Amino acid sequence: VATLLVREPSRESTLDGEDTASER
């Protein structure tokens, strides 16, 4: 169920200051 509820993060994201990336 948890896997169904999340989307893939961007493969180009860098983990730096990722408030927006984590929400994506």
PDB file of all heavy atoms in Angstrom:
ATOM      1  N   VAL A   1       0.836  -1.202   0.000  1.00  0.00           N
ATOM      2  CA  VAL A   1       0.000   0.000   0.000  1.00  0.00           C
ATOM      3  C   VAL A   1       0.872   1.255   0.000  1.00  0.00           C
ATOM      4  O   VAL A   1       0.616   2.210  -0.737  1.00  0.00           O
ATOM      5  CB  VAL A   1      -0.944  -0.003   1.220  1.00  0.00           C
ATOM      6  CG1 VAL A   1      -1.685   1.331   1.331  1.00  0.00           C
ATOM      7  CG2 VAL A   1      -1.935  -1.155   1.118  1.00  0.00           C
ATOM      8  N   ALA A   2       1.929   1.258   0.838  1.00  0.00           N
ATOM      9  CA  ALA A   2       2.819   2.422   0.885  1.00  0.00           C
ATOM     10  C   ALA A   2       3.486   2.657  -0.468  1.00  0.00           C
ATOM     11  O   ALA A   2       3.658   3.804  -0.892  1.00  0.00           O
ATOM     12  CB  ALA A   2       3.872   2.219   1.972  1.00  0.00           C
ATOM     13  N   THR A   3       3.841   1.580  -1.151  1.00  0.00           N
ATOM     14  CA  THR A   3       4.474   1.718  -2.460  1.00  0.00           C
ATOM     15  C   THR A   3       3.510   2.334  -3.475  1.00  0.00           C
ATOM     16  O   THR A   3       3.914   3.132  -4.323  1.00  0.00           O
ATOM     17  CB  THR A   3       4.962   0.346  -2.962  1.00  0.00           C
ATOM     18  OG1 THR A   3       5.820  -0.239  -1.978  1.00  0.00           O
ATOM     19  CG2 THR A   3       5.736   0.482  -4.265  1.00  0.00           C
ATOM     20  N   LEU A   4       2.245   1.980  -3.363  1.00  0.00           N
ATOM     21  CA  LEU A   4       1.244   2.569  -4.258  1.00  0.00           C
ATOM     22  C   LEU A   4       1.119   4.070  -4.048  1.00  0.00           C
ATOM     23  O   LEU A   4       0.806   4.815  -4.986  1.00  0.00           O
ATOM     24  CB  LEU A   4      -0.123   1.911  -4.013  1.00  0.00           C
ATOM     25  CG  LEU A   4      -0.337   0.489  -4.526  1.00  0.00           C
ATOM     26  CD1 LEU A   4      -1.701  -0.024  -4.056  1.00  0.00           C
ATOM     27  CD2 LEU A   4      -0.238   0.429  -6.041  1.00  0.00           C
ATOM     28  N   LEU A   5       1.353   4.552  -2.832  1.00  0.00           N
ATOM     29  CA  LEU A   5       1.075   5.935  -2.476  1.00  0.00           C
ATOM     30  C   LEU A   5       2.229   6.892  -2.713  1.00  0.00           C
ATOM     31  O   LEU A   5       2.115   8.074  -2.436  1.00  0.00           O
ATOM     32  CB  LEU A   5       0.641   6.028  -1.010  1.00  0.00           C
ATOM     33  CG  LEU A   5      -0.669   5.314  -0.657  1.00  0.00           C
ATOM     34  CD1 LEU A   5      -0.972   5.457   0.833  1.00  0.00           C
ATOM     35  CD2 LEU A   5      -1.818   5.858  -1.493  1.00  0.00           C
ATOM     36  N   VAL A   6       3.369   6.404  -3.202  1.00  0.00           N
ATOM     37  CA  VAL A   6       4.491   7.305  -3.449  1.00  0.00           C
ATOM     38  C   VAL A   6       4.812   7.363  -4.930  1.00  0.00           C
ATOM     39  O   VAL A   6       4.561   6.424  -5.672  1.00  0.00           O
ATOM     40  CB  VAL A   6       5.759   6.888  -2.664  1.00  0.00           C
ATOM     41  CG1 VAL A   6       5.520   6.911  -1.184  1.00  0.00           C
ATOM     42  CG2 VAL A   6       6.248   5.523  -3.113  1.00  0.00           C
ATOM     43  N   ARG A   7       5.359   8.473  -5.327  1.00  0.00           N
ATOM     44  CA  ARG A   7       5.838   8.641  -6.691  1.00  0.00           C
ATOM     45  C   ARG A   7       7.356   8.534  -6.702  1.00  0.00           C
ATOM     46  O   ARG A   7       8.016   8.727  -5.686  1.00  0.00           O
ATOM     47  CB  ARG A   7       5.420   9.999  -7.250  1.00  0.00           C
ATOM     48  CG  ARG A   7       3.930  10.156  -7.440  1.00  0.00           C
ATOM     49  CD  ARG A   7       3.644  11.415  -8.273  1.00  0.00           C
ATOM     50  NE  ARG A   7       2.198  11.643  -8.339  1.00  0.00           N
ATOM     51  CZ  ARG A   7       1.604  12.761  -7.949  1.00  0.00           C
ATOM     52  NH1 ARG A   7       2.328  13.750  -7.453  1.00  0.00           N
ATOM     53  NH2 ARG A   7       0.299  12.893  -8.052  1.00  0.00           N
ATOM     54  N   GLU A   8       7.878   8.285  -7.882  1.00  0.00           N
ATOM     55  CA  GLU A   8       9.329   8.222  -8.034  1.00  0.00           C
ATOM     56  C   GLU A   8       9.942   9.605  -7.822  1.00  0.00           C
ATOM     57  O   GLU A   8       9.454  10.592  -8.366  1.00  0.00           O
ATOM     58  CB  GLU A   8       9.701   7.748  -9.443  1.00  0.00           C
ATOM     59  CG  GLU A   8       9.380   6.305  -9.717  1.00  0.00           C
ATOM     60  CD  GLU A   8      10.338   5.348  -9.023  1.00  0.00           C
ATOM     61  OE1 GLU A   8      11.357   5.810  -8.472  1.00  0.00           O
ATOM     62  OE2 GLU A   8      10.038   4.148  -9.018  1.00  0.00           O
ATOM     63  N   PRO A   9      11.034   9.685  -7.024  1.00  0.00           N
ATOM     64  CA  PRO A   9      11.777  10.953  -6.987  1.00  0.00           C
ATOM     65  C   PRO A   9      12.512  11.152  -8.303  1.00  0.00           C
ATOM     66  O   PRO A   9      12.747  10.192  -9.042  1.00  0.00           O
ATOM     67  CB  PRO A   9      12.773  10.736  -5.832  1.00  0.00           C
ATOM     68  CG  PRO A   9      12.979   9.262  -5.793  1.00  0.00           C
ATOM     69  CD  PRO A   9      11.649   8.660  -6.178  1.00  0.00           C
ATOM     70  N   SER A  10      12.851  12.391  -8.601  1.00  0.00           N
ATOM     71  CA  SER A  10      13.609  12.659  -9.819  1.00  0.00           C
ATOM     72  C   SER A  10      14.956  11.952  -9.778  1.00  0.00           C
ATOM     73  O   SER A  10      15.661  12.006  -8.777  1.00  0.00           O
ATOM     74  CB  SER A  10      13.841  14.171  -9.971  1.00  0.00           C
ATOM     75  OG  SER A  10      14.770  14.433 -10.983  1.00  0.00           O
ATOM     76  N   ARG A  11      15.319  11.294 -10.864  1.00  0.00           N
ATOM     77  CA  ARG A  11      16.598  10.583 -10.897  1.00  0.00           C
ATOM     78  C   ARG A  11      17.773  11.556 -10.930  1.00  0.00           C
ATOM     79  O   ARG A  11      18.910  11.160 -10.692  1.00  0.00           O
ATOM     80  CB  ARG A  11      16.651   9.652 -12.110  1.00  0.00           C
ATOM     81  CG  ARG A  11      15.614   8.542 -12.045  1.00  0.00           C
ATOM     82  CD  ARG A  11      15.754   7.569 -13.199  1.00  0.00           C
ATOM     83  NE  ARG A  11      14.573   6.719 -13.295  1.00  0.00           N
ATOM     84  CZ  ARG A  11      14.381   5.805 -14.231  1.00  0.00           C
ATOM     85  NH1 ARG A  11      15.302   5.618 -15.153  1.00  0.00           N
ATOM     86  NH2 ARG A  11      13.276   5.087 -14.263  1.00  0.00           N
ATOM     87  N   GLU A  12      17.508  12.798 -11.223  1.00  0.00           N
ATOM     88  CA  GLU A  12      18.577  13.791 -11.265  1.00  0.00           C
ATOM     89  C   GLU A  12      18.655  14.607  -9.973  1.00  0.00           C
ATOM     90  O   GLU A  12      19.488  15.490  -9.858  1.00  0.00           O
ATOM     91  CB  GLU A  12      18.362  14.752 -12.451  1.00  0.00           C
ATOM     92  CG  GLU A  12      18.335  14.050 -13.799  1.00  0.00           C
ATOM     93  CD  GLU A  12      19.625  13.291 -14.073  1.00  0.00           C
ATOM     94  OE1 GLU A  12      20.701  13.846 -13.783  1.00  0.00           O
ATOM     95  OE2 GLU A  12      19.557  12.154 -14.553  1.00  0.00           O
ATOM     96  N   SER A  13      17.800  14.317  -9.001  1.00  0.00           N
ATOM     97  CA  SER A  13      17.827  15.083  -7.753  1.00  0.00           C
ATOM     98  C   SER A  13      19.119  14.795  -7.012  1.00  0.00           C
ATOM     99  O   SER A  13      19.744  13.759  -7.167  1.00  0.00           O
ATOM    100  CB  SER A  13      16.617  14.727  -6.881  1.00  0.00           C
ATOM    101  OG  SER A  13      16.638  13.367  -6.528  1.00  0.00           O
ATOM    102  N   THR A  14      19.528  15.749  -6.185  1.00  0.00           N
ATOM    103  CA  THR A  14      20.851  15.680  -5.578  1.00  0.00           C
ATOM    104  C   THR A  14      20.818  15.491  -4.074  1.00  0.00           C
ATOM    105  O   THR A  14      21.869  15.399  -3.460  1.00  0.00           O
ATOM    106  CB  THR A  14      21.627  16.972  -5.863  1.00  0.00           C
ATOM    107  OG1 THR A  14      20.945  18.065  -5.239  1.00  0.00           O
ATOM    108  CG2 THR A  14      21.740  17.217  -7.348  1.00  0.00           C
ATOM    109  N   LEU A  15      19.665  15.468  -3.461  1.00  0.00           N
ATOM    110  CA  LEU A  15      19.492  15.391  -2.005  1.00  0.00           C
ATOM    111  C   LEU A  15      19.826  16.707  -1.316  1.00  0.00           C
ATOM    112  O   LEU A  15      19.696  16.810  -0.110  1.00  0.00           O
ATOM    113  CB  LEU A  15      20.358  14.283  -1.377  1.00  0.00           C
ATOM    114  CG  LEU A  15      19.948  12.836  -1.627  1.00  0.00           C
ATOM    115  CD1 LEU A  15      20.965  11.890  -0.973  1.00  0.00           C
ATOM    116  CD2 LEU A  15      18.573  12.534  -1.093  1.00  0.00           C
ATOM    117  N   ASP A  16      20.277  17.728  -2.037  1.00  0.00           N
ATOM    118  CA  ASP A  16      20.622  19.006  -1.415  1.00  0.00           C
ATOM    119  C   ASP A  16      19.371  19.845  -1.199  1.00  0.00           C
ATOM    120  O   ASP A  16      18.677  20.182  -2.147  1.00  0.00           O
ATOM    121  CB  ASP A  16      21.585  19.810  -2.301  1.00  0.00           C
ATOM    122  CG  ASP A  16      22.972  19.210  -2.324  1.00  0.00           C
ATOM    123  OD1 ASP A  16      23.400  18.722  -1.267  1.00  0.00           O
ATOM    124  OD2 ASP A  16      23.602  19.218  -3.392  1.00  0.00           O
ATOM    125  N   GLY A  17      19.093  20.197   0.049  1.00  0.00           N
ATOM    126  CA  GLY A  17      17.973  21.069   0.363  1.00  0.00           C
ATOM    127  C   GLY A  17      16.691  20.586  -0.240  1.00  0.00           C
ATOM    128  O   GLY A  17      15.962  21.358  -0.844  1.00  0.00           O
ATOM    129  N   GLU A  18      16.388  19.278  -0.103  1.00  0.00           N
ATOM    130  CA  GLU A  18      15.341  18.687  -0.897  1.00  0.00           C
ATOM    131  C   GLU A  18      13.963  18.741  -0.259  1.00  0.00           C
ATOM    132  O   GLU A  18      13.225  17.777  -0.262  1.00  0.00           O
ATOM    133  CB  GLU A  18      15.703  17.239  -1.232  1.00  0.00           C
ATOM    134  CG  GLU A  18      16.735  17.148  -2.308  1.00  0.00           C
ATOM    135  CD  GLU A  18      16.636  15.807  -3.015  1.00  0.00           C
ATOM    136  OE1 GLU A  18      15.991  14.891  -2.519  1.00  0.00           O
ATOM    137  OE2 GLU A  18      17.207  15.707  -4.090  1.00  0.00           O
ATOM    138  N   ASP A  19      13.594  19.857   0.288  1.00  0.00           N
ATOM    139  CA  ASP A  19      12.214  19.988   0.732  1.00  0.00           C
ATOM    140  C   ASP A  19      11.263  19.742  -0.451  1.00  0.00           C
ATOM    141  O   ASP A  19      10.303  18.996  -0.359  1.00  0.00           O
ATOM    142  CB  ASP A  19      11.950  21.378   1.303  1.00  0.00           C
ATOM    143  CG  ASP A  19      12.745  21.622   2.573  1.00  0.00           C
ATOM    144  OD1 ASP A  19      13.963  21.800   2.452  1.00  0.00           O
ATOM    145  OD2 ASP A  19      12.141  21.614   3.652  1.00  0.00           O
ATOM    146  N   THR A  20      11.575  20.355  -1.598  1.00  0.00           N
ATOM    147  CA  THR A  20      10.684  20.196  -2.752  1.00  0.00           C
ATOM    148  C   THR A  20      10.817  18.816  -3.374  1.00  0.00           C
ATOM    149  O   THR A  20       9.835  18.208  -3.766  1.00  0.00           O
ATOM    150  CB  THR A  20      10.998  21.271  -3.808  1.00  0.00           C
ATOM    151  OG1 THR A  20      12.388  21.200  -4.152  1.00  0.00           O
ATOM    152  CG2 THR A  20      10.697  22.644  -3.263  1.00  0.00           C
ATOM    153  N   ALA A  21      12.051  18.307  -3.467  1.00  0.00           N
ATOM    154  CA  ALA A  21      12.235  16.988  -4.070  1.00  0.00           C
ATOM    155  C   ALA A  21      11.591  15.904  -3.223  1.00  0.00           C
ATOM    156  O   ALA A  21      10.996  14.970  -3.732  1.00  0.00           O
ATOM    157  CB  ALA A  21      13.729  16.690  -4.239  1.00  0.00           C
ATOM    158  N   SER A  22      11.697  16.033  -1.899  1.00  0.00           N
ATOM    159  CA  SER A  22      11.086  15.013  -1.046  1.00  0.00           C
ATOM    160  C   SER A  22       9.576  15.065  -1.154  1.00  0.00           C
ATOM    161  O   SER A  22       8.901  14.034  -1.097  1.00  0.00           O
ATOM    162  CB  SER A  22      11.521  15.217   0.417  1.00  0.00           C
ATOM    163  OG  SER A  22      11.064  16.461   0.899  1.00  0.00           O
ATOM    164  N   GLU A  23       9.042  16.258  -1.334  1.00  0.00           N
ATOM    165  CA  GLU A  23       7.577  16.333  -1.480  1.00  0.00           C
ATOM    166  C   GLU A  23       7.140  15.821  -2.840  1.00  0.00           C
ATOM    167  O   GLU A  23       6.040  15.289  -2.971  1.00  0.00           O
ATOM    168  CB  GLU A  23       7.131  17.776  -1.250  1.00  0.00           C
ATOM    169  CG  GLU A  23       7.426  18.243   0.167  1.00  0.00           C
ATOM    170  CD  GLU A  23       6.549  19.405   0.577  1.00  0.00           C
ATOM    171  OE1 GLU A  23       5.670  19.795  -0.214  1.00  0.00           O
ATOM    172  OE2 GLU A  23       6.760  19.932   1.667  1.00  0.00           O
ATOM    173  N   ARG A  24       7.992  15.956  -3.857  1.00  0.00           N
ATOM    174  CA  ARG A  24       7.644  15.360  -5.149  1.00  0.00           C
ATOM    175  C   ARG A  24       7.583  13.848  -5.051  1.00  0.00           C
ATOM    176  O   ARG A  24       6.861  13.197  -5.788  1.00  0.00           O
ATOM    177  CB  ARG A  24       8.677  15.764  -6.215  1.00  0.00           C
ATOM    178  CG  ARG A  24       8.525  17.173  -6.725  1.00  0.00           C
ATOM    179  CD  ARG A  24       9.232  17.319  -8.069  1.00  0.00           C
ATOM    180  NE  ARG A  24      10.604  16.858  -8.012  1.00  0.00           N
ATOM    181  CZ  ARG A  24      11.634  17.639  -7.699  1.00  0.00           C
ATOM    182  NH1 ARG A  24      11.409  18.908  -7.397  1.00  0.00           N
ATOM    183  NH2 ARG A  24      12.854  17.178  -7.692  1.00  0.00           N
TER     184      ARG A  24
END
